[in-house]
């Protein structure tokens, strides 16, 4: 078993050692070819059947599978000894099933119109997943700290109240958005050093209960707002208060349009510390909070799109432009969790799984989460810590084979990890031209699959003809 797999499963909460061994075997098989189906990864009926039995075992669930990875994330967090960002986000995993009830449904979508003009609705079968990814401020993923799966059936009664009852008067525990609060609590408890964590979320995380929970747990948050809340004494909103503030400075950022073209955009910054009030229906339950609002807006008005405007809210102080730009950079790091979801769906092909029940599928998705983090970690190590030791990611045999394939000698010492990661990316189709950007996740998982095949051929060849 690979050393990294042993580290990720050593603290799993599985009730039987045989189940732990089987989990390790499944991870080994799937890691040899990221994106392979279970039959292709296991290579024989005995191994495939054992994998299916593991996923269907009533004593196995996603929490037990991920417990070891969560513990490894805590260890890497402790070793980093720096401020980290906990990126929270939700993704939808869609499947085609004849029996939707066995798996669950996520939403209804319009697929066209009937002859009389009525919308033709289609129920989407699948699961929802809310993940919390721990990364350094440089973008290196340390691992997952919380993962939650569910379907819309659980909140059917609450959703039926929309339009009939003021949403602010419904307890947060009865809402689907409670997952944000739960993951913040689980992540903070797991990592054990709340002052070193900044929880980052998009506009869906603009929840006052989340702000209060972060304050209670003595941790920090940075969210993009979608609600113009009451501020100060209740006679002005946040946006109204921000309009009174002078422009504190300007900063240029690089943005990419829908065609992949990049350009420089100049943003004007306003920021202010103010008292933010809870929703009117909850002012007796929650206190007012002292928070910092940061508004960044594009200077010019482009012709082909709406001007860029970011409205952020945080409990952290902002006293100068450098602080404001730093918080904007932290929020931009939130895209890393989207990249993680892309690896999960496109790399591991999580939406192509054919398992028929939600329980089996969530167990498999938990395994895919560990593999997706590993691929993402390898890719970002090349950018965040290129001079690290190559032995963090490769065995001696793999290093020798990569040197042979690149037609380079080992010389006096082993080259850094960036050299070998680029060699792996080259196996996956990376061209390594002078002006090319660093290799991405796609070429990395392709290259890892090819390296596994090369190692297998080398091992078999040595056994057949001798060393």
Protein backbone atom coordinates (compact mmCIF):
# COMPACT_ATOMS: atom_id res chain seq x y z
CA UNK A 1 0.00 0.00 0.00
CA UNK A 2 1.27 3.48 -0.84
CA UNK A 3 2.49 5.45 2.17
CA UNK A 4 0.10 8.34 1.53
CA UNK A 5 -2.91 6.00 1.45
CA UNK A 6 -1.83 4.41 4.72
CA UNK A 7 -1.66 7.88 6.26
CA UNK A 8 -5.15 8.82 5.02
CA UNK A 9 -6.87 5.69 6.40
CA UNK A 10 -4.89 4.92 9.55
CA UNK A 11 -7.41 6.70 11.81
CA UNK A 12 -10.61 5.57 10.06
CA UNK A 13 -13.54 4.69 12.32
CA UNK A 14 -14.32 1.38 10.61
CA UNK A 15 -15.40 -1.32 13.10
CA UNK A 16 -13.32 -4.13 11.60
CA UNK A 17 -9.67 -4.33 10.53
CA UNK A 18 -10.73 -6.25 7.43
CA UNK A 19 -12.90 -3.31 6.38
CA UNK A 20 -9.92 -0.96 6.83
CA UNK A 21 -7.78 -3.23 4.67
CA UNK A 22 -10.48 -3.37 2.01
CA UNK A 23 -10.75 0.44 2.01
CA UNK A 24 -7.01 0.65 1.49
CA UNK A 25 -7.19 -1.86 -1.36
CA UNK A 26 -9.98 0.10 -3.09
CA UNK A 27 -7.99 3.33 -2.76
CA UNK A 28 -4.89 1.65 -4.20
CA UNK A 29 -6.84 0.27 -7.16
CA UNK A 30 -8.62 3.54 -7.93
CA UNK A 31 -5.46 5.63 -7.53
CA UNK A 32 -3.72 3.57 -10.22
CA UNK A 33 -6.12 4.97 -12.80
CA UNK A 34 -8.05 8.06 -11.72
CA UNK A 35 -11.43 7.96 -13.42
CA UNK A 36 -11.59 4.20 -13.89
CA UNK A 37 -14.79 2.37 -12.95
CA UNK A 38 -14.67 -0.14 -10.09
CA UNK A 39 -14.54 -3.22 -12.40
CA UNK A 40 -11.72 -1.68 -14.45
CA UNK A 41 -9.83 -0.62 -11.33
CA UNK A 42 -10.18 -3.96 -9.52
CA UNK A 43 -9.36 -6.03 -12.65
CA UNK A 44 -11.15 -9.22 -11.51
CA UNK A 45 -14.55 -10.34 -10.28
CA UNK A 46 -13.36 -11.24 -6.78
CA UNK A 47 -11.92 -7.76 -6.14
CA UNK A 48 -14.90 -6.03 -7.73
CA UNK A 49 -17.41 -8.02 -5.69
CA UNK A 50 -15.45 -7.31 -2.49
CA UNK A 51 -15.51 -3.58 -3.31
CA UNK A 52 -19.28 -3.65 -3.90
CA UNK A 53 -19.80 -5.50 -0.62
CA UNK A 54 -17.71 -2.91 1.21
CA UNK A 55 -19.78 -0.05 -0.21
CA UNK A 56 -23.03 -1.85 0.69
CA UNK A 57 -21.93 -2.80 4.22
CA UNK A 58 -24.36 -1.29 6.79
CA UNK A 59 -21.42 -0.74 9.18
CA UNK A 60 -19.69 1.54 6.65
CA UNK A 61 -20.65 5.17 6.04
CA UNK A 62 -18.98 8.27 4.61
CA UNK A 63 -18.09 9.56 8.08
CA UNK A 64 -16.13 6.42 8.95
CA UNK A 65 -14.35 6.45 5.58
CA UNK A 66 -13.34 10.11 5.85
CA UNK A 67 -12.38 10.05 9.55
CA UNK A 68 -8.80 9.08 8.72
CA UNK A 69 -8.51 11.81 6.11
CA UNK A 70 -9.91 14.40 8.52
CA UNK A 71 -7.28 13.37 11.09
CA UNK A 72 -4.54 13.66 8.45
CA UNK A 73 -5.86 17.12 7.54
CA UNK A 74 -5.56 18.15 11.19
CA UNK A 75 -1.95 16.90 11.25
CA UNK A 76 -1.05 18.84 8.11
CA UNK A 77 -2.79 21.92 9.54
CA UNK A 78 -0.72 21.64 12.73
CA UNK A 79 2.51 21.23 10.77
CA UNK A 80 1.74 24.26 8.58
CA UNK A 81 1.70 26.57 11.64
CA UNK A 82 0.22 29.49 9.68
CA UNK A 83 -3.11 31.13 8.92
CA UNK A 84 -5.33 28.93 6.72
CA UNK A 85 -8.51 29.46 4.73
CA UNK A 86 -11.41 27.02 5.09
CA UNK A 87 -13.29 27.17 1.79
CA UNK A 88 -16.96 26.14 1.98
CA UNK A 89 -19.18 25.43 -1.02
CA UNK A 90 -21.95 23.17 -2.34
CA UNK A 91 -22.10 21.15 -5.55
CA UNK A 92 -24.78 19.04 -7.20
CA UNK A 93 -24.10 15.50 -8.43
CA UNK A 94 -26.63 14.35 -11.05
CA UNK A 95 -27.40 10.78 -12.13
CA UNK A 96 -29.80 8.94 -14.43
CA UNK A 97 -31.80 6.32 -12.57
CA UNK A 98 -35.06 4.54 -13.27
CA UNK A 99 -35.86 4.51 -9.54
CA UNK A 100 -35.34 8.10 -8.38
CA UNK A 101 -36.64 7.36 -4.88
CA UNK A 102 -33.72 5.02 -4.10
CA UNK A 103 -31.23 7.81 -4.70
CA UNK A 104 -33.06 11.11 -4.22
CA UNK A 105 -33.74 14.27 -6.17
CA UNK A 106 -32.07 17.66 -6.17
CA UNK A 107 -34.37 19.99 -8.13
CA UNK A 108 -36.83 20.36 -10.99
CA UNK A 109 -35.74 21.94 -14.26
CA UNK A 110 -37.65 23.17 -17.30
CA UNK A 111 -36.84 21.15 -20.43
CA UNK A 112 -39.26 22.88 -22.78
CA UNK A 113 -42.88 23.92 -23.24
CA UNK A 114 -46.07 22.00 -23.80
CA UNK A 115 -48.39 22.91 -26.70
CA UNK A 116 -50.54 24.99 -24.38
CA UNK A 117 -47.48 26.92 -23.16
CA UNK A 118 -47.08 25.23 -19.80
CA UNK A 119 -43.47 24.45 -18.77
CA UNK A 120 -42.35 20.83 -19.14
CA UNK A 121 -40.64 20.00 -15.84
CA UNK A 122 -38.02 17.32 -15.32
CA UNK A 123 -36.96 16.00 -11.91
CA UNK A 124 -33.16 15.83 -11.57
CA UNK A 125 -31.99 12.69 -9.77
CA UNK A 126 -28.90 13.04 -7.60
CA UNK A 127 -27.25 14.19 -4.40
CA UNK A 128 -26.04 17.48 -2.98
CA UNK A 129 -22.61 17.73 -1.40
CA UNK A 130 -21.31 20.47 0.88
CA UNK A 131 -17.54 20.37 1.39
CA UNK A 132 -15.04 22.35 3.45
CA UNK A 133 -11.52 22.46 1.98
CA UNK A 134 -8.58 23.65 4.08
CA UNK A 135 -5.94 25.55 2.08
CA UNK A 136 -2.99 27.78 2.91
CA UNK A 137 -3.10 31.41 1.82
CA UNK A 138 -0.81 30.35 -1.07
CA UNK A 139 -3.47 27.89 -2.24
CA UNK A 140 -1.94 24.55 -1.14
CA UNK A 141 -4.81 22.19 -0.15
CA UNK A 142 -4.20 20.54 3.22
CA UNK A 143 -7.32 18.36 3.02
CA UNK A 144 -11.02 18.30 3.79
CA UNK A 145 -12.31 19.19 7.24
CA UNK A 146 -16.03 18.42 6.72
CA UNK A 147 -18.23 16.82 4.05
CA UNK A 148 -22.01 16.53 4.06
CA UNK A 149 -24.37 14.73 1.62
CA UNK A 150 -28.15 15.11 1.41
CA UNK A 151 -31.16 15.32 -0.92
CA UNK A 152 -34.01 17.81 -1.04
CA UNK A 153 -36.45 15.29 0.45
CA UNK A 154 -35.18 16.10 3.96
CA UNK A 155 -36.26 19.75 3.64
CA UNK A 156 -39.46 19.19 1.66
CA UNK A 157 -41.67 20.66 4.39
CA UNK A 158 -39.53 23.78 4.77
CA UNK A 159 -39.43 24.43 1.03
CA UNK A 160 -43.23 24.23 0.89
CA UNK A 161 -43.39 27.24 3.22
CA UNK A 162 -41.61 29.52 0.74
CA UNK A 163 -43.82 32.45 -0.18
CA UNK A 164 -46.15 31.76 2.75
CA UNK A 165 -43.96 32.41 5.79
CA UNK A 166 -41.21 34.99 6.28
CA UNK A 167 -38.01 32.95 5.87
CA UNK A 168 -36.27 34.87 8.65
CA UNK A 169 -38.81 33.51 11.15
CA UNK A 170 -37.96 29.86 10.40
CA UNK A 171 -35.32 28.41 12.72
CA UNK A 172 -31.97 27.90 10.99
CA UNK A 173 -31.88 24.28 12.17
CA UNK A 174 -34.89 23.52 9.95
CA UNK A 175 -33.34 25.05 6.85
CA UNK A 176 -31.07 23.54 4.24
CA UNK A 177 -28.65 26.43 4.81
CA UNK A 178 -27.89 25.03 8.28
CA UNK A 179 -25.18 22.95 6.55
CA UNK A 180 -23.00 26.08 6.49
CA UNK A 181 -23.19 26.39 10.27
CA UNK A 182 -22.65 22.65 10.80
CA UNK A 183 -19.55 22.53 8.61
CA UNK A 184 -18.11 25.62 10.29
CA UNK A 185 -18.56 23.97 13.70
CA UNK A 186 -17.11 20.64 12.57
CA UNK A 187 -14.13 22.26 10.86
CA UNK A 188 -13.32 24.49 13.83
CA UNK A 189 -13.58 21.60 16.31
CA UNK A 190 -11.43 19.37 14.10
CA UNK A 191 -8.58 21.82 13.52
CA UNK A 192 -8.49 22.94 17.15
CA UNK A 193 -6.98 26.39 16.59
CA UNK A 194 -9.88 28.71 15.70
CA UNK A 195 -7.80 31.91 15.60
CA UNK A 196 -5.76 30.51 12.71
CA UNK A 197 -8.83 29.79 10.54
CA UNK A 198 -10.73 32.11 8.19
CA UNK A 199 -13.93 30.54 6.85
CA UNK A 200 -14.63 31.72 3.30
CA UNK A 201 -17.97 31.43 1.51
CA UNK A 202 -19.85 32.81 -1.49
CA UNK A 203 -23.12 34.75 -1.41
CA UNK A 204 -25.05 31.67 -0.31
CA UNK A 205 -23.17 31.83 3.01
CA UNK A 206 -24.46 35.30 3.84
CA UNK A 207 -26.25 33.98 6.93
CA UNK A 208 -26.38 35.95 10.18
CA UNK A 209 -26.43 32.75 12.25
CA UNK A 210 -23.12 31.81 10.63
CA UNK A 211 -21.58 35.11 11.73
CA UNK A 212 -22.78 34.58 15.31
CA UNK A 213 -21.50 30.98 15.38
CA UNK A 214 -18.07 32.11 14.19
CA UNK A 215 -17.97 34.71 16.96
CA UNK A 216 -19.02 32.15 19.58
CA UNK A 217 -16.29 29.74 18.46
CA UNK A 218 -13.68 32.52 18.39
CA UNK A 219 -12.89 31.98 14.72
CA UNK A 220 -13.01 34.25 11.65
CA UNK A 221 -15.07 34.48 8.46
CA UNK A 222 -15.00 36.23 5.09
CA UNK A 223 -18.14 36.05 2.91
CA UNK A 224 -19.51 37.74 -0.16
CA UNK A 225 -22.84 39.35 0.70
CA UNK A 226 -26.17 39.17 -1.08
CA UNK A 227 -28.32 40.80 1.64
CA UNK A 228 -28.21 44.54 2.28
CA UNK A 229 -28.53 44.35 6.07
CA UNK A 230 -29.42 47.11 8.49
CA UNK A 231 -26.41 48.79 10.05
CA UNK A 232 -25.44 51.22 12.81
CA UNK A 233 -28.61 52.24 14.70
CA UNK A 234 -30.94 50.64 12.16
CA UNK A 235 -31.52 53.85 10.21
CA UNK A 236 -29.20 52.91 7.32
CA UNK A 237 -28.20 49.81 5.39
CA UNK A 238 -24.67 48.55 4.78
CA UNK A 239 -24.66 49.82 1.19
CA UNK A 240 -26.00 53.20 2.32
CA UNK A 241 -23.28 53.48 4.93
CA UNK A 242 -20.60 52.46 2.39
CA UNK A 243 -21.70 55.17 -0.06
CA UNK A 244 -20.81 57.73 2.59
CA UNK A 245 -17.27 56.42 2.80
CA UNK A 246 -14.52 57.96 0.64
CA UNK A 247 -12.63 55.87 -1.91
CA UNK A 248 -9.59 54.54 -0.05
CA UNK A 249 -7.54 53.53 -3.11
CA UNK A 250 -7.40 51.50 -6.31
CA UNK A 251 -5.96 48.12 -7.21
CA UNK A 252 -5.58 46.19 -10.48
CA UNK A 253 -6.65 42.55 -10.76
CA UNK A 254 -6.49 40.09 -13.63
CA UNK A 255 -9.82 38.67 -14.81
CA UNK A 256 -10.74 36.12 -17.45
CA UNK A 257 -13.81 36.37 -19.67
CA UNK A 258 -16.02 33.52 -20.91
CA UNK A 259 -13.73 33.03 -23.91
CA UNK A 260 -10.66 32.48 -21.71
CA UNK A 261 -9.07 35.85 -22.49
CA UNK A 262 -7.39 37.66 -19.61
CA UNK A 263 -7.31 41.41 -19.01
CA UNK A 264 -6.35 43.87 -16.29
CA UNK A 265 -9.21 45.55 -14.41
CA UNK A 266 -8.85 48.49 -12.04
CA UNK A 267 -10.99 48.39 -8.89
CA UNK A 268 -11.82 51.18 -6.45
CA UNK A 269 -11.97 50.19 -2.77
CA UNK A 270 -14.13 51.38 0.09
CA UNK A 271 -14.06 49.80 3.53
CA UNK A 272 -15.55 50.61 6.91
CA UNK A 273 -16.04 49.08 10.36
CA UNK A 274 -19.69 49.23 11.43
CA UNK A 275 -22.39 47.65 13.56
CA UNK A 276 -24.46 45.12 11.58
CA UNK A 277 -27.91 44.24 12.93
CA UNK A 278 -29.61 40.82 12.72
CA UNK A 279 -32.79 40.38 10.64
CA UNK A 280 -35.83 42.06 12.20
CA UNK A 281 -37.48 38.73 12.98
CA UNK A 282 -34.39 37.52 14.88
CA UNK A 283 -33.24 40.60 16.79
CA UNK A 284 -34.34 39.07 20.08
CA UNK A 285 -32.30 35.92 19.49
CA UNK A 286 -29.03 37.30 18.10
CA UNK A 287 -26.90 40.31 19.06
CA UNK A 288 -25.63 43.05 16.75
CA UNK A 289 -22.07 42.46 15.51
CA UNK A 290 -19.14 44.75 14.78
CA UNK A 291 -18.04 43.77 11.25
CA UNK A 292 -15.97 45.20 8.39
CA UNK A 293 -17.52 45.77 4.98
CA UNK A 294 -15.29 45.91 1.89
CA UNK A 295 -16.66 47.09 -1.46
CA UNK A 296 -14.55 46.86 -4.61
CA UNK A 297 -16.01 48.17 -7.87
CA UNK A 298 -14.60 48.44 -11.38
CA UNK A 299 -13.60 52.00 -12.30
CA UNK A 300 -14.77 51.94 -15.94
CA UNK A 301 -18.03 50.53 -17.28
CA UNK A 302 -17.25 47.93 -19.96
CA UNK A 303 -19.48 47.63 -23.03
CA UNK A 304 -19.72 43.82 -23.26
CA UNK A 305 -20.47 42.97 -19.61
CA UNK A 306 -21.61 44.32 -16.28
CA UNK A 307 -18.94 46.06 -14.17
CA UNK A 308 -17.20 43.90 -11.60
CA UNK A 309 -18.38 44.54 -8.06
CA UNK A 310 -17.48 42.57 -4.95
CA UNK A 311 -19.13 43.21 -1.59
CA UNK A 312 -17.39 41.37 1.24
CA UNK A 313 -18.16 41.13 4.94
CA UNK A 314 -15.70 39.95 7.59
CA UNK A 315 -15.09 40.10 11.32
CA UNK A 316 -11.40 40.87 10.69
CA UNK A 317 -10.18 44.47 10.96
CA UNK A 318 -9.18 46.39 7.82
CA UNK A 319 -7.14 49.52 8.49
CA UNK A 320 -5.35 50.14 5.17
CA UNK A 321 -5.45 49.29 1.47
CA UNK A 322 -3.04 46.39 1.91
CA UNK A 323 -5.49 44.76 4.34
CA UNK A 324 -8.40 45.26 1.93
CA UNK A 325 -6.48 43.81 -1.04
CA UNK A 326 -5.38 40.89 1.12
CA UNK A 327 -9.00 40.04 1.97
CA UNK A 328 -9.96 40.24 -1.70
CA UNK A 329 -7.13 37.85 -2.56
CA UNK A 330 -8.34 35.47 0.13
CA UNK A 331 -11.83 35.51 -1.29
CA UNK A 332 -10.44 34.86 -4.80
CA UNK A 333 -8.83 31.71 -3.36
CA UNK A 334 -12.37 30.37 -2.90
CA UNK A 335 -12.18 29.17 -6.51
CA UNK A 336 -9.90 26.36 -5.27
CA UNK A 337 -12.92 24.47 -3.93
CA UNK A 338 -14.52 24.70 -7.39
CA UNK A 339 -11.35 23.13 -8.81
CA UNK A 340 -11.66 20.34 -6.25
CA UNK A 341 -15.23 19.68 -7.43
CA UNK A 342 -14.00 19.62 -11.04
CA UNK A 343 -11.46 16.92 -10.19
CA UNK A 344 -14.16 14.96 -8.37
CA UNK A 345 -16.55 15.09 -11.34
CA UNK A 346 -14.26 15.15 -14.38
CA UNK A 347 -11.20 13.34 -13.01
CA UNK A 348 -12.81 10.67 -10.82
CA UNK A 349 -15.98 10.72 -12.96
CA UNK A 350 -18.13 10.66 -9.85
CA UNK A 351 -21.34 11.27 -11.83
CA UNK A 352 -20.77 8.17 -13.97
CA UNK A 353 -21.06 5.74 -11.04
CA UNK A 354 -23.85 3.18 -11.51
CA UNK A 355 -24.59 2.38 -7.86
CA UNK A 356 -28.33 2.36 -7.21
CA UNK A 357 -28.74 3.58 -3.63
CA UNK A 358 -27.71 6.78 -1.90
CA UNK A 359 -25.87 4.89 0.88
CA UNK A 360 -23.57 3.04 -1.52
CA UNK A 361 -23.02 6.14 -3.62
CA UNK A 362 -22.04 8.39 -0.71
CA UNK A 363 -19.50 5.77 0.43
CA UNK A 364 -17.94 5.77 -3.03
CA UNK A 365 -18.00 9.58 -3.19
CA UNK A 366 -16.16 9.72 0.14
CA UNK A 367 -13.38 7.58 -1.39
CA UNK A 368 -13.33 9.81 -4.48
CA UNK A 369 -12.95 12.85 -2.20
CA UNK A 370 -9.66 11.48 -0.86
CA UNK A 371 -8.38 10.77 -4.38
CA UNK A 372 -9.46 14.21 -5.63
CA UNK A 373 -7.63 15.92 -2.79
CA UNK A 374 -4.47 13.95 -3.61
CA UNK A 375 -4.50 14.96 -7.28
CA UNK A 376 -5.18 18.57 -6.32
CA UNK A 377 -2.38 18.51 -3.73
CA UNK A 378 0.14 17.23 -6.29
CA UNK A 379 -0.84 19.95 -8.75
CA UNK A 380 -0.61 22.77 -6.20
CA UNK A 381 2.66 21.52 -4.66
CA UNK A 382 4.22 22.31 -8.02
CA UNK A 383 3.16 25.96 -7.56
CA UNK A 384 3.12 26.58 -3.83
CA UNK A 385 6.24 24.64 -2.76
CA UNK A 386 8.23 23.67 -5.88
CA UNK A 387 11.50 23.05 -4.00
CA UNK A 388 10.05 20.43 -1.63
CA UNK A 389 11.47 16.92 -1.52
CA UNK A 390 10.33 14.62 -4.33
CA UNK A 391 9.95 11.80 -1.80
CA UNK A 392 6.80 13.51 -0.49
CA UNK A 393 4.98 12.29 -3.60
CA UNK A 394 7.02 9.52 -5.26
CA UNK A 395 8.80 6.29 -4.42
CA UNK A 396 12.43 5.60 -5.32
CA UNK A 397 11.36 3.37 -8.21
CA UNK A 398 9.04 6.06 -9.60
CA UNK A 399 11.80 8.65 -9.40
CA UNK A 400 14.24 6.39 -11.25
CA UNK A 401 11.69 5.69 -13.98
CA UNK A 402 10.85 9.38 -14.39
CA UNK A 403 14.57 10.18 -14.67
CA UNK A 404 14.95 7.46 -17.30
CA UNK A 405 11.94 8.67 -19.29
CA UNK A 406 13.24 12.25 -19.20
CA UNK A 407 16.73 10.98 -20.14
CA UNK A 408 18.31 12.78 -17.22
CA UNK A 409 20.78 11.47 -14.66
CA UNK A 410 20.29 11.67 -10.90
CA UNK A 411 23.71 13.35 -10.44
CA UNK A 412 24.60 14.17 -6.84
CA UNK A 413 21.13 14.49 -5.36
CA UNK A 414 17.44 14.07 -6.20
CA UNK A 415 15.82 16.97 -7.99
CA UNK A 416 12.94 18.89 -6.32
CA UNK A 417 9.33 17.82 -6.55
CA UNK A 418 8.50 20.38 -9.26
CA UNK A 419 10.86 18.65 -11.71
CA UNK A 420 9.18 15.27 -11.29
CA UNK A 421 5.64 16.67 -11.26
CA UNK A 422 6.34 18.30 -14.60
CA UNK A 423 7.62 14.93 -15.88
CA UNK A 424 4.35 13.32 -14.76
CA UNK A 425 2.35 16.08 -16.45
CA UNK A 426 4.34 15.47 -19.64
CA UNK A 427 3.18 11.84 -19.57
CA UNK A 428 -0.36 13.24 -19.45
CA UNK A 429 0.07 15.49 -22.48
CA UNK A 430 1.66 18.63 -21.00
CA UNK A 431 3.92 20.24 -23.63
CA UNK A 432 6.18 22.17 -21.20
CA UNK A 433 6.81 25.02 -23.62
CA UNK A 434 8.60 28.14 -22.42
CA UNK A 435 5.47 30.30 -22.13
CA UNK A 436 3.06 27.58 -20.97
CA UNK A 437 1.34 28.02 -17.62
CA UNK A 438 2.10 25.42 -14.91
CA UNK A 439 0.51 21.97 -15.50
CA UNK A 440 -3.09 21.60 -14.40
CA UNK A 441 -5.07 18.84 -12.79
CA UNK A 442 -6.19 17.13 -16.02
CA UNK A 443 -2.70 16.40 -17.36
CA UNK A 444 -1.66 15.45 -13.83
CA UNK A 445 -4.24 12.68 -13.37
CA UNK A 446 -3.57 11.39 -16.89
CA UNK A 447 0.15 11.32 -16.20
CA UNK A 448 -0.31 9.52 -12.88
CA UNK A 449 -2.29 6.78 -14.64
CA UNK A 450 0.46 6.33 -17.22
CA UNK A 451 3.17 6.30 -14.54
CA UNK A 452 1.30 3.54 -12.72
CA UNK A 453 1.21 1.44 -15.90
CA UNK A 454 4.90 2.05 -16.49
CA UNK A 455 5.76 1.00 -12.91
CA UNK A 456 3.64 -2.14 -13.31
CA UNK A 457 5.42 -3.05 -16.54
CA UNK A 458 8.80 -2.43 -14.94
CA UNK A 459 7.96 -4.66 -11.97
CA UNK A 460 6.66 -7.50 -14.14
CA UNK A 461 9.64 -7.21 -16.45
CA UNK A 462 12.07 -7.46 -13.54
CA UNK A 463 10.31 -10.60 -12.30
CA UNK A 464 10.37 -12.23 -15.75
CA UNK A 465 13.93 -11.49 -16.82
CA UNK A 466 15.60 -10.57 -13.55
CA UNK A 467 17.14 -7.32 -12.38
